[in-house]
Amino acid sequence: MTRVLGIDVGGTKVAIGVSTADGPALSAHVRLDTGPDTLARALAAARALDGAPAAVGFSTCGVIRDGVVRLAPNVPGWEGLELPRLLQEAYGATPVSIDNDVNAAAAAELRWGALRGVSTGVYLNLGTGLAAALVVDGRVVPGAHGAAGEIGYLQVTPGEPAFADGQVPLEERVAGGALAARGTALLGRPVTAAELLGGGHARELVDEALRTLAMSVANLCVVLDPERLVVGGGMMGAAELILPRLAAEVGRAVPFPPEVRPARFADDAPLLGALALARAAVA
């Protein structure tokens, strides 16, 4: 089996892995912190891991629009980076496939996980941030500008501050980072989203966030009519709390409710997605 290389650049870390088989297994991997010269350090580490892969998959925070990275303010130097050109220069004739981290994670679920065999589906990522990937005809739909599924920008209240005002309305209410910030302000001490979801702290805040999340996801399912909703991301440590709430609201609000399942890949999903992108590029 040919060797492929996957690179995942997130808000705080870079994960790089090599796969020698068509499956969710790494034969070698390395991690780096993001920071100054993230791409140069990532490419140097990737070359040290495998200097001649058959294909490269690259998962990135943000989206690629007009040949540059957009919506990625958390990695220094990443916003506006000409990532496709730089990767082409680095790898020459070697096939390189690039997508955002949530779409990449959905690609891993499609190839090896909970979306395998699904024609129309939704992959929902609940982590520090919030986003979804939309699957139609068994493939992730990028949208006209590469930003399909960016549900963090959905409005919750009509007329509230939104993208043009520098806000991310839904994400700022229900994502892990927002829950931690709101819980910290409410309780007067540092608290994580995992603590809030797993304990008896700030139950009203957690319940309100889950109600808002469930309503928004149900509305998404009304629009797309998926056969399966797969949920992954760092907040899934509280899957026993989150999944029943989502399933109940989807069952109540959606004419033909999809099956609701946890993602297969809890750890390194975007990196595995990068490897899935590379495998598809080889094929």
C-alpha atoms as a PDB file:
ATOM      1  CA  MET A   1       0.000   0.000   0.000  1.00  0.00           C
ATOM      2  CA  THR A   2       1.283   3.485  -0.862  1.00  0.00           C
ATOM      3  CA  ARG A   3       2.263   5.890   1.901  1.00  0.00           C
ATOM      4  CA  VAL A   4       0.283   9.098   2.322  1.00  0.00           C
ATOM      5  CA  LEU A   5       0.904  12.082   4.565  1.00  0.00           C
ATOM      6  CA  GLY A   6      -1.631  14.065   6.581  1.00  0.00           C
ATOM      7  CA  ILE A   7      -1.094  17.497   8.143  1.00  0.00           C
ATOM      8  CA  ASP A   8      -3.623  19.164  10.451  1.00  0.00           C
ATOM      9  CA  VAL A   9      -3.162  22.767  11.588  1.00  0.00           C
ATOM     10  CA  GLY A  10      -5.489  23.792  14.406  1.00  0.00           C
ATOM     11  CA  GLY A  11      -5.768  26.770  16.694  1.00  0.00           C
ATOM     12  CA  THR A  12      -3.200  25.483  19.214  1.00  0.00           C
ATOM     13  CA  LYS A  13      -1.403  22.516  17.647  1.00  0.00           C
ATOM     14  CA  VAL A  14      -0.171  20.930  14.454  1.00  0.00           C
ATOM     15  CA  ALA A  15      -0.548  17.164  14.020  1.00  0.00           C
ATOM     16  CA  ILE A  16       1.286  15.303  11.260  1.00  0.00           C
ATOM     17  CA  GLY A  17       0.913  11.628  10.434  1.00  0.00           C
ATOM     18  CA  VAL A  18       1.845   8.991   7.886  1.00  0.00           C
ATOM     19  CA  SER A  19      -0.404   6.111   6.867  1.00  0.00           C
ATOM     20  CA  THR A  20       0.609   2.994   4.956  1.00  0.00           C
ATOM     21  CA  ALA A  21      -2.869   1.418   4.746  1.00  0.00           C
ATOM     22  CA  ASP A  22      -6.349   2.575   3.771  1.00  0.00           C
ATOM     23  CA  GLY A  23      -7.651   2.805   7.317  1.00  0.00           C
ATOM     24  CA  PRO A  24      -7.635   5.079  10.370  1.00  0.00           C
ATOM     25  CA  ALA A  25      -4.196   4.054  11.602  1.00  0.00           C
ATOM     26  CA  LEU A  26      -0.941   5.994  11.769  1.00  0.00           C
ATOM     27  CA  SER A  27       2.416   4.364  11.140  1.00  0.00           C
ATOM     28  CA  ALA A  28       4.214   7.471  12.445  1.00  0.00           C
ATOM     29  CA  HIS A  29       3.167  10.852  13.767  1.00  0.00           C
ATOM     30  CA  VAL A  30       4.444  14.039  15.387  1.00  0.00           C
ATOM     31  CA  ARG A  31       2.889  17.093  17.071  1.00  0.00           C
ATOM     32  CA  LEU A  32       3.947  20.735  17.198  1.00  0.00           C
ATOM     33  CA  ASP A  33       2.556  23.855  18.812  1.00  0.00           C
ATOM     34  CA  THR A  34       1.219  26.583  16.551  1.00  0.00           C
ATOM     35  CA  GLY A  35       2.946  29.946  16.713  1.00  0.00           C
ATOM     36  CA  PRO A  36       5.457  31.888  14.617  1.00  0.00           C
ATOM     37  CA  ASP A  37       6.322  30.247  11.264  1.00  0.00           C
ATOM     38  CA  THR A  38       3.730  27.503  11.769  1.00  0.00           C
ATOM     39  CA  LEU A  39       3.677  26.403   8.132  1.00  0.00           C
ATOM     40  CA  ALA A  40       7.465  26.318   7.714  1.00  0.00           C
ATOM     41  CA  ARG A  41       7.900  24.276  10.893  1.00  0.00           C
ATOM     42  CA  ALA A  42       5.042  21.945   9.903  1.00  0.00           C
ATOM     43  CA  LEU A  43       6.494  21.295   6.449  1.00  0.00           C
ATOM     44  CA  ALA A  44       9.957  20.666   7.880  1.00  0.00           C
ATOM     45  CA  ALA A  45       8.518  18.153  10.371  1.00  0.00           C
ATOM     46  CA  ALA A  46       6.478  16.524   7.590  1.00  0.00           C
ATOM     47  CA  ARG A  47       9.566  16.120   5.387  1.00  0.00           C
ATOM     48  CA  ALA A  48      11.421  14.529   8.282  1.00  0.00           C
ATOM     49  CA  LEU A  49       8.546  12.105   8.780  1.00  0.00           C
ATOM     50  CA  ASP A  50       8.136  11.207   5.092  1.00  0.00           C
ATOM     51  CA  GLY A  51      10.051  12.923   2.318  1.00  0.00           C
ATOM     52  CA  ALA A  52       8.248  11.272  -0.597  1.00  0.00           C
ATOM     53  CA  PRO A  53       4.565  10.537   0.098  1.00  0.00           C
ATOM     54  CA  ALA A  54       2.260   9.426  -2.699  1.00  0.00           C
ATOM     55  CA  ALA A  55      -0.174  12.211  -1.743  1.00  0.00           C
ATOM     56  CA  VAL A  56      -0.680  14.847   0.942  1.00  0.00           C
ATOM     57  CA  GLY A  57      -3.873  15.786   2.761  1.00  0.00           C
ATOM     58  CA  PHE A  58      -3.950  19.116   4.592  1.00  0.00           C
ATOM     59  CA  SER A  59      -6.572  20.041   7.182  1.00  0.00           C
ATOM     60  CA  THR A  60      -6.701  23.672   8.266  1.00  0.00           C
ATOM     61  CA  CYS A  61      -8.681  25.891  10.570  1.00  0.00           C
ATOM     62  CA  GLY A  62     -10.588  28.521   8.593  1.00  0.00           C
ATOM     63  CA  VAL A  63     -11.653  28.131   4.978  1.00  0.00           C
ATOM     64  CA  ILE A  64      -9.832  28.520   1.652  1.00  0.00           C
ATOM     65  CA  ARG A  65     -11.239  31.338  -0.481  1.00  0.00           C
ATOM     66  CA  ASP A  66      -9.596  32.777  -3.630  1.00  0.00           C
ATOM     67  CA  GLY A  67      -6.414  30.869  -2.859  1.00  0.00           C
ATOM     68  CA  VAL A  68      -5.961  32.224   0.675  1.00  0.00           C
ATOM     69  CA  VAL A  69      -7.032  31.208   4.183  1.00  0.00           C
ATOM     70  CA  ARG A  70     -10.009  33.111   5.619  1.00  0.00           C
ATOM     71  CA  LEU A  71     -11.802  33.023   8.980  1.00  0.00           C
ATOM     72  CA  ALA A  72      -8.695  31.828  10.842  1.00  0.00           C
ATOM     73  CA  PRO A  73      -7.663  34.619  13.244  1.00  0.00           C
ATOM     74  CA  ASN A  74      -6.352  32.337  16.012  1.00  0.00           C
ATOM     75  CA  VAL A  75      -3.151  31.138  14.302  1.00  0.00           C
ATOM     76  CA  PRO A  76      -0.497  33.869  13.930  1.00  0.00           C
ATOM     77  CA  GLY A  77       0.171  34.581  10.267  1.00  0.00           C
ATOM     78  CA  TRP A  78      -2.548  32.215   9.040  1.00  0.00           C
ATOM     79  CA  GLU A  79      -5.263  34.709   8.031  1.00  0.00           C
ATOM     80  CA  GLY A  80      -4.653  35.593   4.369  1.00  0.00           C
ATOM     81  CA  LEU A  81      -1.949  32.936   3.901  1.00  0.00           C
ATOM     82  CA  GLU A  82      -1.651  31.683   0.289  1.00  0.00           C
ATOM     83  CA  LEU A  83      -1.766  28.091   1.468  1.00  0.00           C
ATOM     84  CA  PRO A  84      -2.578  26.288  -1.841  1.00  0.00           C
ATOM     85  CA  ARG A  85       0.300  28.020  -3.657  1.00  0.00           C
ATOM     86  CA  LEU A  86       2.785  27.374  -0.856  1.00  0.00           C
ATOM     87  CA  LEU A  87       1.861  23.695  -0.663  1.00  0.00           C
ATOM     88  CA  GLN A  88       2.147  23.327  -4.441  1.00  0.00           C
ATOM     89  CA  GLU A  89       5.616  24.863  -4.276  1.00  0.00           C
ATOM     90  CA  ALA A  90       6.570  22.511  -1.430  1.00  0.00           C
ATOM     91  CA  TYR A  91       5.277  19.289  -3.028  1.00  0.00           C
ATOM     92  CA  GLY A  92       5.485  19.909  -6.777  1.00  0.00           C
ATOM     93  CA  ALA A  93       3.774  17.127  -8.750  1.00  0.00           C
ATOM     94  CA  THR A  94       2.679  15.236  -5.624  1.00  0.00           C
ATOM     95  CA  PRO A  95      -1.136  15.461  -5.280  1.00  0.00           C
ATOM     96  CA  VAL A  96      -2.177  17.761  -2.426  1.00  0.00           C
ATOM     97  CA  SER A  97      -5.770  18.004  -1.158  1.00  0.00           C
ATOM     98  CA  ILE A  98      -6.769  20.807   1.245  1.00  0.00           C
ATOM     99  CA  ASP A  99      -9.943  21.327   3.288  1.00  0.00           C
ATOM    100  CA  ASN A 100     -11.001  22.884   6.549  1.00  0.00           C
ATOM    101  CA  ASP A 101     -10.715  20.819   9.715  1.00  0.00           C
ATOM    102  CA  VAL A 102     -14.415  20.030  10.140  1.00  0.00           C
ATOM    103  CA  ASN A 103     -14.854  18.975   6.515  1.00  0.00           C
ATOM    104  CA  ALA A 104     -11.736  16.842   6.870  1.00  0.00           C
ATOM    105  CA  ALA A 105     -13.119  15.153   9.990  1.00  0.00           C
ATOM    106  CA  ALA A 106     -16.308  14.456   8.043  1.00  0.00           C
ATOM    107  CA  ALA A 107     -14.206  12.911   5.266  1.00  0.00           C
ATOM    108  CA  ALA A 108     -12.711  10.506   7.820  1.00  0.00           C
ATOM    109  CA  GLU A 109     -16.190   9.588   9.062  1.00  0.00           C
ATOM    110  CA  LEU A 110     -17.329   9.076   5.458  1.00  0.00           C
ATOM    111  CA  ARG A 111     -14.408   6.846   4.555  1.00  0.00           C
ATOM    112  CA  TRP A 112     -14.006   4.831   7.751  1.00  0.00           C
ATOM    113  CA  GLY A 113     -16.518   5.919  10.374  1.00  0.00           C
ATOM    114  CA  ALA A 114     -20.096   6.725  11.319  1.00  0.00           C
ATOM    115  CA  LEU A 115     -20.984   8.327   7.958  1.00  0.00           C
ATOM    116  CA  ARG A 116     -19.757   5.386   5.890  1.00  0.00           C
ATOM    117  CA  GLY A 117     -22.365   4.503   3.262  1.00  0.00           C
ATOM    118  CA  VAL A 118     -24.423   7.649   3.938  1.00  0.00           C
ATOM    119  CA  SER A 119     -25.602   9.656   0.941  1.00  0.00           C
ATOM    120  CA  THR A 120     -27.043  12.718   2.721  1.00  0.00           C
ATOM    121  CA  GLY A 121     -25.772  13.547   6.189  1.00  0.00           C
ATOM    122  CA  VAL A 122     -24.488  16.108   8.659  1.00  0.00           C
ATOM    123  CA  TYR A 123     -21.274  16.017  10.668  1.00  0.00           C
ATOM    124  CA  LEU A 124     -21.532  18.349  13.664  1.00  0.00           C
ATOM    125  CA  ASN A 125     -18.342  19.395  15.451  1.00  0.00           C
ATOM    126  CA  LEU A 126     -18.795  20.546  19.044  1.00  0.00           C
ATOM    127  CA  GLY A 127     -15.510  21.813  20.404  1.00  0.00           C
ATOM    128  CA  THR A 128     -13.927  25.102  21.392  1.00  0.00           C
ATOM    129  CA  GLY A 129     -15.676  26.376  18.269  1.00  0.00           C
ATOM    130  CA  LEU A 130     -18.790  25.220  16.421  1.00  0.00           C
ATOM    131  CA  ALA A 131     -19.212  24.127  12.796  1.00  0.00           C
ATOM    132  CA  ALA A 132     -20.787  21.444  10.641  1.00  0.00           C
ATOM    133  CA  ALA A 133     -19.992  19.613   7.415  1.00  0.00           C
ATOM    134  CA  LEU A 134     -22.778  18.863   4.958  1.00  0.00           C
ATOM    135  CA  VAL A 135     -22.747  15.606   2.990  1.00  0.00           C
ATOM    136  CA  VAL A 136     -24.681  15.270  -0.277  1.00  0.00           C
ATOM    137  CA  ASP A 137     -24.352  12.322  -2.670  1.00  0.00           C
ATOM    138  CA  GLY A 138     -21.765  10.826  -0.343  1.00  0.00           C
ATOM    139  CA  ARG A 139     -19.413  13.816  -0.564  1.00  0.00           C
ATOM    140  CA  VAL A 140     -18.749  16.867   1.591  1.00  0.00           C
ATOM    141  CA  VAL A 141     -20.303  19.979   0.029  1.00  0.00           C
ATOM    142  CA  PRO A 142     -17.922  22.977   0.098  1.00  0.00           C
ATOM    143  CA  GLY A 143     -20.439  25.658  -0.828  1.00  0.00           C
ATOM    144  CA  ALA A 144     -19.885  28.535  -3.262  1.00  0.00           C
ATOM    145  CA  HIS A 145     -17.154  30.086  -1.105  1.00  0.00           C
ATOM    146  CA  GLY A 146     -15.851  27.056   0.794  1.00  0.00           C
ATOM    147  CA  ALA A 147     -17.876  28.026   3.859  1.00  0.00           C
ATOM    148  CA  ALA A 148     -20.844  25.625   3.786  1.00  0.00           C
ATOM    149  CA  GLY A 149     -21.696  24.407   7.281  1.00  0.00           C
ATOM    150  CA  GLU A 150     -20.256  27.390   9.176  1.00  0.00           C
ATOM    151  CA  ILE A 151     -23.252  27.324  11.505  1.00  0.00           C
ATOM    152  CA  GLY A 152     -21.466  29.261  14.234  1.00  0.00           C
ATOM    153  CA  TYR A 153     -22.548  32.368  12.311  1.00  0.00           C
ATOM    154  CA  LEU A 154     -26.262  31.536  12.575  1.00  0.00           C
ATOM    155  CA  GLN A 155     -28.274  34.196  14.367  1.00  0.00           C
ATOM    156  CA  VAL A 156     -30.227  33.242  17.467  1.00  0.00           C
ATOM    157  CA  THR A 157     -32.138  36.518  17.916  1.00  0.00           C
ATOM    158  CA  PRO A 158     -33.335  38.599  14.923  1.00  0.00           C
ATOM    159  CA  GLY A 159     -31.201  41.665  14.331  1.00  0.00           C
ATOM    160  CA  GLU A 160     -28.504  40.761  16.842  1.00  0.00           C
ATOM    161  CA  PRO A 161     -24.832  41.598  16.116  1.00  0.00           C
ATOM    162  CA  ALA A 162     -23.615  39.149  13.482  1.00  0.00           C
ATOM    163  CA  PHE A 163     -20.706  38.484  11.103  1.00  0.00           C
ATOM    164  CA  ALA A 164     -20.540  42.050   9.772  1.00  0.00           C
ATOM    165  CA  ASP A 165     -20.212  43.249  13.369  1.00  0.00           C
ATOM    166  CA  GLY A 166     -17.374  40.861  14.157  1.00  0.00           C
ATOM    167  CA  GLN A 167     -19.603  38.427  16.028  1.00  0.00           C
ATOM    168  CA  VAL A 168     -20.251  34.679  15.722  1.00  0.00           C
ATOM    169  CA  PRO A 169     -23.711  34.539  17.333  1.00  0.00           C
ATOM    170  CA  LEU A 170     -24.471  30.840  17.751  1.00  0.00           C
ATOM    171  CA  GLU A 171     -20.880  29.852  18.531  1.00  0.00           C
ATOM    172  CA  GLU A 172     -20.703  32.568  21.194  1.00  0.00           C
ATOM    173  CA  ARG A 173     -23.641  30.957  22.984  1.00  0.00           C
ATOM    174  CA  VAL A 174     -23.069  27.218  22.751  1.00  0.00           C
ATOM    175  CA  ALA A 175     -19.475  26.281  21.817  1.00  0.00           C
ATOM    176  CA  GLY A 176     -17.027  25.019  24.407  1.00  0.00           C
ATOM    177  CA  GLY A 177     -14.971  28.202  24.518  1.00  0.00           C
ATOM    178  CA  ALA A 178     -18.068  30.319  24.988  1.00  0.00           C
ATOM    179  CA  LEU A 179     -19.458  28.045  27.706  1.00  0.00           C
ATOM    180  CA  ALA A 180     -16.177  28.240  29.597  1.00  0.00           C
ATOM    181  CA  ALA A 181     -16.089  32.046  29.350  1.00  0.00           C
ATOM    182  CA  ARG A 182     -19.720  32.479  30.357  1.00  0.00           C
ATOM    183  CA  GLY A 183     -19.412  29.958  33.194  1.00  0.00           C
ATOM    184  CA  THR A 184     -16.266  31.663  34.480  1.00  0.00           C
ATOM    185  CA  ALA A 185     -18.023  35.030  34.532  1.00  0.00           C
ATOM    186  CA  LEU A 186     -21.095  33.586  36.228  1.00  0.00           C
ATOM    187  CA  LEU A 187     -19.283  31.594  38.920  1.00  0.00           C
ATOM    188  CA  GLY A 188     -16.480  34.074  39.527  1.00  0.00           C
ATOM    189  CA  ARG A 189     -13.735  31.488  39.103  1.00  0.00           C
ATOM    190  CA  PRO A 190     -12.081  29.731  36.149  1.00  0.00           C
ATOM    191  CA  VAL A 191     -14.170  26.834  34.875  1.00  0.00           C
ATOM    192  CA  THR A 192     -13.990  24.663  31.751  1.00  0.00           C
ATOM    193  CA  ALA A 193     -16.808  23.575  29.477  1.00  0.00           C
ATOM    194  CA  ALA A 194     -16.154  19.969  30.555  1.00  0.00           C
ATOM    195  CA  GLU A 195     -16.721  20.930  34.186  1.00  0.00           C
ATOM    196  CA  LEU A 196     -19.960  22.702  33.352  1.00  0.00           C
ATOM    197  CA  LEU A 197     -21.262  19.823  31.250  1.00  0.00           C
ATOM    198  CA  GLY A 198     -20.167  17.143  33.685  1.00  0.00           C
ATOM    199  CA  GLY A 199     -21.150  18.691  37.013  1.00  0.00           C
ATOM    200  CA  GLY A 200     -23.980  20.501  38.709  1.00  0.00           C
ATOM    201  CA  HIS A 201     -22.524  23.955  38.076  1.00  0.00           C
ATOM    202  CA  ALA A 202     -24.507  26.646  36.266  1.00  0.00           C
ATOM    203  CA  ARG A 203     -27.235  24.252  35.187  1.00  0.00           C
ATOM    204  CA  GLU A 204     -29.427  27.039  33.845  1.00  0.00           C
ATOM    205  CA  LEU A 205     -26.596  28.271  31.616  1.00  0.00           C
ATOM    206  CA  VAL A 206     -25.910  24.747  30.320  1.00  0.00           C
ATOM    207  CA  ASP A 207     -29.598  24.010  29.729  1.00  0.00           C
ATOM    208  CA  GLU A 208     -30.072  27.251  27.803  1.00  0.00           C
ATOM    209  CA  ALA A 209     -27.017  26.516  25.650  1.00  0.00           C
ATOM    210  CA  LEU A 210     -28.172  22.987  24.865  1.00  0.00           C
ATOM    211  CA  ARG A 211     -31.689  24.181  24.010  1.00  0.00           C
ATOM    212  CA  THR A 212     -30.269  26.754  21.612  1.00  0.00           C
ATOM    213  CA  LEU A 213     -27.882  24.236  20.075  1.00  0.00           C
ATOM    214  CA  ALA A 214     -30.602  21.606  19.642  1.00  0.00           C
ATOM    215  CA  MET A 215     -32.963  24.102  18.003  1.00  0.00           C
ATOM    216  CA  SER A 216     -30.291  25.248  15.556  1.00  0.00           C
ATOM    217  CA  VAL A 217     -29.259  21.697  14.648  1.00  0.00           C
ATOM    218  CA  ALA A 218     -32.893  20.699  14.153  1.00  0.00           C
ATOM    219  CA  ASN A 219     -33.367  23.669  11.812  1.00  0.00           C
ATOM    220  CA  LEU A 220     -30.291  22.570   9.855  1.00  0.00           C
ATOM    221  CA  CYS A 221     -31.771  19.078   9.534  1.00  0.00           C
ATOM    222  CA  VAL A 222     -35.081  20.513   8.306  1.00  0.00           C
ATOM    223  CA  VAL A 223     -33.176  22.296   5.530  1.00  0.00           C
ATOM    224  CA  LEU A 224     -30.917  19.417   4.435  1.00  0.00           C
ATOM    225  CA  ASP A 225     -33.124  16.371   5.228  1.00  0.00           C
ATOM    226  CA  PRO A 226     -30.161  14.135   6.199  1.00  0.00           C
ATOM    227  CA  GLU A 227     -30.434  10.436   6.854  1.00  0.00           C
ATOM    228  CA  ARG A 228     -27.830  10.609   9.633  1.00  0.00           C
ATOM    229  CA  LEU A 229     -26.495  13.249  12.027  1.00  0.00           C
ATOM    230  CA  VAL A 230     -23.038  12.410  13.386  1.00  0.00           C
ATOM    231  CA  VAL A 231     -21.681  14.415  16.308  1.00  0.00           C
ATOM    232  CA  GLY A 232     -17.989  14.757  17.191  1.00  0.00           C
ATOM    233  CA  GLY A 233     -15.568  17.183  18.808  1.00  0.00           C
ATOM    234  CA  GLY A 234     -14.125  17.843  22.228  1.00  0.00           C
ATOM    235  CA  MET A 235     -17.467  18.451  23.928  1.00  0.00           C
ATOM    236  CA  MET A 236     -18.445  14.845  23.249  1.00  0.00           C
ATOM    237  CA  GLY A 237     -16.932  13.893  26.586  1.00  0.00           C
ATOM    238  CA  ALA A 238     -20.452  14.827  27.686  1.00  0.00           C
ATOM    239  CA  ALA A 239     -22.148  12.763  24.956  1.00  0.00           C
ATOM    240  CA  GLU A 240     -24.577  11.197  27.437  1.00  0.00           C
ATOM    241  CA  LEU A 241     -25.927  14.674  28.163  1.00  0.00           C
ATOM    242  CA  ILE A 242     -25.725  16.180  24.677  1.00  0.00           C
ATOM    243  CA  LEU A 243     -26.888  13.418  22.309  1.00  0.00           C
ATOM    244  CA  PRO A 244     -30.286  12.758  23.948  1.00  0.00           C
ATOM    245  CA  ARG A 245     -31.066  16.488  23.871  1.00  0.00           C
ATOM    246  CA  LEU A 246     -30.198  16.711  20.186  1.00  0.00           C
ATOM    247  CA  ALA A 247     -32.103  13.532  19.310  1.00  0.00           C
ATOM    248  CA  ALA A 248     -35.200  14.678  21.186  1.00  0.00           C
ATOM    249  CA  GLU A 249     -35.357  18.062  19.461  1.00  0.00           C
ATOM    250  CA  VAL A 250     -34.559  16.604  16.034  1.00  0.00           C
ATOM    251  CA  GLY A 251     -37.310  14.026  16.574  1.00  0.00           C
ATOM    252  CA  ARG A 252     -39.767  16.737  17.603  1.00  0.00           C
ATOM    253  CA  ALA A 253     -39.014  19.326  14.919  1.00  0.00           C
ATOM    254  CA  VAL A 254     -37.857  17.489  11.780  1.00  0.00           C
ATOM    255  CA  PRO A 255     -40.519  15.877   9.533  1.00  0.00           C
ATOM    256  CA  PHE A 256     -38.243  12.927   8.727  1.00  0.00           C
ATOM    257  CA  PRO A 257     -35.766  12.806  11.631  1.00  0.00           C
ATOM    258  CA  PRO A 258     -32.265  11.537  10.918  1.00  0.00           C
ATOM    259  CA  GLU A 259     -30.531   8.895  12.979  1.00  0.00           C
ATOM    260  CA  VAL A 260     -28.287  10.574  15.567  1.00  0.00           C
ATOM    261  CA  ARG A 261     -24.919   8.925  16.240  1.00  0.00           C
ATOM    262  CA  PRO A 262     -21.646   9.807  17.946  1.00  0.00           C
ATOM    263  CA  ALA A 263     -18.654  10.146  15.648  1.00  0.00           C
ATOM    264  CA  ARG A 264     -16.305   7.181  15.496  1.00  0.00           C
ATOM    265  CA  PHE A 265     -13.222   9.356  15.841  1.00  0.00           C
ATOM    266  CA  ALA A 266     -12.980  11.365  19.038  1.00  0.00           C
ATOM    267  CA  ASP A 267      -9.223  11.977  18.878  1.00  0.00           C
ATOM    268  CA  ASP A 268      -7.254  13.342  15.930  1.00  0.00           C
ATOM    269  CA  ALA A 269     -10.348  13.455  13.701  1.00  0.00           C
ATOM    270  CA  PRO A 270      -9.003  16.293  11.488  1.00  0.00           C
ATOM    271  CA  LEU A 271      -5.645  14.517  11.089  1.00  0.00           C
ATOM    272  CA  LEU A 272      -7.399  11.300  10.117  1.00  0.00           C
ATOM    273  CA  GLY A 273      -9.475  13.437   7.773  1.00  0.00           C
ATOM    274  CA  ALA A 274      -6.299  14.781   6.184  1.00  0.00           C
ATOM    275  CA  LEU A 275      -5.221  11.186   5.570  1.00  0.00           C
ATOM    276  CA  ALA A 276      -8.645  10.439   4.063  1.00  0.00           C
ATOM    277  CA  LEU A 277      -8.189  13.435   1.732  1.00  0.00           C
ATOM    278  CA  ALA A 278      -4.775  12.103   0.736  1.00  0.00           C
ATOM    279  CA  ARG A 279      -6.180   8.610   0.074  1.00  0.00           C
ATOM    280  CA  ALA A 280      -8.879  10.105  -2.137  1.00  0.00           C
ATOM    281  CA  ALA A 281      -6.210  12.095  -4.010  1.00  0.00           C
ATOM    282  CA  VAL A 282      -4.277   8.896  -4.687  1.00  0.00           C
ATOM    283  CA  ALA A 283      -7.399   7.196  -5.987  1.00  0.00           C
END
